Amino acid sequence: MATDEKADNPGVKVFPPLLFVVALIVMLALRYVWPLAIGGRPFTLVLGVALAALAVAIIAWGRSTMLRGGTNVNPTLPTTTIITGGPFGFTRNPLYLGLIGLLLGIGLMFDSWWAVVALIATFPILHYGVVMREEAYLERKFGEPYRSYKASVRRYL
């Protein structure tokens, strides 16, 4: 039984929040060494705060929608159902979009182009190491209902 339970997950290569925490730390460290300022203060600060707040709201909305739907939020655990409501009605990956928005928002708050560099470096890891694995897993597990959802809702935006 334990073997079946262990196999019932997408086999993601990295825990997504950890990926973004590492990207954030690298971004801030690089900013300290070589600022690469965007410029445009105080506009970047205001825009960064707004983007970060929106990102946190999307993450919270997506997480609460998953919990209300009765499935695991943690991508290393089994998915019990396909969630199509809330933010999942317009993107299949609202939590990851939220993490991306949060990284960019913090980068704007710190007035640093390094957030964009960090995103460019981390996005392929997220896409291939997490999202594509999750999609393959959901298609294997749920079949046609997931394929139908996938055909009707964009992966990102």
Protein backbone atom coordinates (compact mmCIF):
# COMPACT_ATOMS: atom_id res chain seq x y z
CA MET A 1 0.00 0.00 0.00
CA ALA A 2 2.77 2.46 0.87
CA THR A 3 4.34 1.92 -2.56
CA ASP A 4 1.06 2.81 -4.33
CA GLU A 5 0.65 5.93 -2.19
CA LYS A 6 4.23 6.97 -2.91
CA ALA A 7 3.66 6.58 -6.66
CA ASP A 8 0.47 8.68 -6.50
CA ASN A 9 2.13 12.06 -6.95
CA PRO A 10 3.56 14.02 -9.86
CA GLY A 11 7.20 13.47 -8.91
CA VAL A 12 8.09 17.16 -9.02
CA LYS A 13 11.82 17.87 -9.11
CA VAL A 14 11.71 20.82 -6.72
CA PHE A 15 9.24 22.12 -4.14
CA PRO A 16 7.92 25.29 -5.84
CA PRO A 17 7.92 27.64 -2.81
CA LEU A 18 11.52 26.62 -2.10
CA LEU A 19 12.49 27.40 -5.70
CA PHE A 20 11.11 30.91 -5.33
CA VAL A 21 12.69 31.47 -1.90
CA VAL A 22 16.08 30.53 -3.39
CA ALA A 23 15.42 32.83 -6.38
CA LEU A 24 14.50 35.65 -3.99
CA ILE A 25 17.65 35.15 -1.89
CA VAL A 26 19.84 35.07 -5.01
CA MET A 27 18.08 38.16 -6.38
CA LEU A 28 18.65 40.12 -3.17
CA ALA A 29 22.27 38.97 -2.89
CA LEU A 30 23.01 40.00 -6.48
CA ARG A 31 21.27 43.33 -5.88
CA TYR A 32 23.58 43.93 -2.94
CA VAL A 33 26.68 43.18 -5.05
CA TRP A 34 25.51 44.90 -8.27
CA PRO A 35 22.30 46.92 -7.85
CA LEU A 36 21.03 47.04 -11.49
CA ALA A 37 18.38 49.59 -10.55
CA ILE A 38 15.25 49.89 -12.65
CA GLY A 39 14.82 53.54 -11.69
CA GLY A 40 11.59 55.43 -11.48
CA ARG A 41 11.20 55.65 -7.73
CA PRO A 42 8.65 55.92 -6.09
CA PHE A 43 6.66 54.38 -8.96
CA THR A 44 8.52 51.05 -8.79
CA LEU A 45 7.85 50.84 -5.05
CA VAL A 46 4.12 51.48 -5.46
CA LEU A 47 3.86 49.11 -8.43
CA GLY A 48 5.88 46.46 -6.57
CA VAL A 49 3.66 46.64 -3.48
CA ALA A 50 0.53 46.42 -5.63
CA LEU A 51 1.88 43.46 -7.63
CA ALA A 52 3.05 41.64 -4.49
CA ALA A 53 -0.32 42.19 -2.80
CA LEU A 54 -2.18 40.90 -5.87
CA ALA A 55 0.15 37.89 -6.01
CA VAL A 56 -0.42 37.03 -2.35
CA ALA A 57 -4.19 37.35 -2.88
CA ILE A 58 -4.05 34.98 -5.88
CA ILE A 59 -1.97 32.47 -3.91
CA ALA A 60 -4.38 32.63 -0.96
CA TRP A 61 -7.42 32.32 -3.24
CA GLY A 62 -5.94 29.35 -5.09
CA ARG A 63 -4.86 27.63 -1.88
CA SER A 64 -8.24 28.09 -0.20
CA THR A 65 -10.02 26.89 -3.36
CA MET A 66 -7.91 23.72 -3.34
CA LEU A 67 -8.54 23.11 0.36
CA ARG A 68 -12.30 23.67 -0.03
CA GLY A 69 -12.23 21.26 -2.98
CA GLY A 70 -10.66 18.61 -0.76
CA THR A 71 -7.34 18.15 -2.52
CA ASN A 72 -3.76 18.53 -1.35
CA VAL A 73 -1.99 21.83 -1.97
CA ASN A 74 1.44 20.25 -1.58
CA PRO A 75 2.52 18.95 -5.03
CA THR A 76 4.42 16.04 -3.47
CA LEU A 77 1.14 14.56 -2.19
CA PRO A 78 -1.63 12.88 -4.20
CA THR A 79 -4.19 15.01 -6.00
CA THR A 80 -7.66 13.82 -5.07
CA THR A 81 -9.76 15.85 -7.49
CA ILE A 82 -9.49 18.33 -10.34
CA ILE A 83 -10.18 21.86 -9.12
CA THR A 84 -11.83 24.04 -11.78
CA GLY A 85 -13.39 26.84 -9.73
CA GLY A 86 -12.00 30.08 -8.38
CA PRO A 87 -8.73 31.12 -10.00
CA PHE A 88 -8.47 27.68 -11.62
CA GLY A 89 -11.21 28.83 -13.98
CA PHE A 90 -8.79 31.15 -15.78
CA THR A 91 -5.39 29.53 -15.16
CA ARG A 92 -4.37 25.99 -14.34
CA ASN A 93 -1.50 27.27 -12.17
CA PRO A 94 -2.65 30.21 -10.04
CA LEU A 95 -0.30 29.43 -7.16
CA TYR A 96 2.74 29.41 -9.46
CA LEU A 97 1.57 32.60 -11.18
CA GLY A 98 1.23 34.09 -7.73
CA LEU A 99 4.79 33.10 -6.84
CA ILE A 100 6.05 34.63 -10.10
CA GLY A 101 4.11 37.84 -9.38
CA LEU A 102 5.44 37.94 -5.84
CA LEU A 103 9.04 37.59 -7.03
CA LEU A 104 8.57 40.36 -9.59
CA GLY A 105 6.72 42.54 -7.08
CA ILE A 106 9.52 42.22 -4.54
CA GLY A 107 12.02 42.97 -7.30
CA LEU A 108 10.12 46.17 -8.11
CA MET A 109 9.98 47.10 -4.43
CA PHE A 110 13.76 46.69 -4.25
CA ASP A 111 14.11 48.52 -7.59
CA SER A 112 16.13 45.70 -9.16
CA TRP A 113 16.30 44.08 -12.58
CA TRP A 114 17.67 40.99 -10.83
CA ALA A 115 14.09 39.81 -10.25
CA VAL A 116 13.66 39.45 -14.00
CA VAL A 117 16.98 37.61 -14.26
CA ALA A 118 15.94 35.33 -11.36
CA LEU A 119 12.61 34.65 -13.05
CA ILE A 120 14.28 33.82 -16.38
CA ALA A 121 16.58 31.40 -14.53
CA THR A 122 13.87 29.74 -12.44
CA PHE A 123 10.99 29.57 -14.92
CA PRO A 124 12.39 26.60 -16.92
CA ILE A 125 12.87 24.69 -13.65
CA LEU A 126 9.28 25.44 -12.64
CA HIS A 127 7.89 24.65 -16.08
CA TYR A 128 9.75 21.41 -16.81
CA GLY A 129 10.49 20.20 -13.29
CA VAL A 130 7.06 20.90 -11.80
CA VAL A 131 4.26 21.97 -14.16
CA MET A 132 4.87 19.49 -16.98
CA ARG A 133 5.24 16.66 -14.45
CA GLU A 134 2.02 17.68 -12.71
CA GLU A 135 0.15 17.81 -16.00
CA ALA A 136 1.36 14.35 -17.05
CA TYR A 137 0.42 12.98 -13.63
CA LEU A 138 -3.08 14.55 -13.72
CA GLU A 139 -3.67 13.24 -17.23
CA ARG A 140 -2.64 9.71 -16.16
CA LYS A 141 -4.74 9.86 -13.02
CA PHE A 142 -7.91 11.58 -14.29
CA GLY A 143 -7.83 10.97 -18.05
CA GLU A 144 -10.51 12.65 -20.15
CA PRO A 145 -11.89 14.97 -17.44
CA TYR A 146 -8.43 16.49 -17.02
CA ARG A 147 -7.81 16.65 -20.78
CA SER A 148 -11.11 18.50 -21.16
CA TYR A 149 -10.17 20.97 -18.41
CA LYS A 150 -6.71 21.39 -19.94
CA ALA A 151 -8.27 22.18 -23.33
CA SER A 152 -10.53 24.86 -21.83
CA VAL A 153 -8.20 26.67 -19.40
CA ARG A 154 -4.78 28.13 -20.15
CA ARG A 155 -1.68 26.82 -18.44
CA TYR A 156 -0.53 30.24 -17.29
CA LEU A 157 -2.27 33.33 -18.68
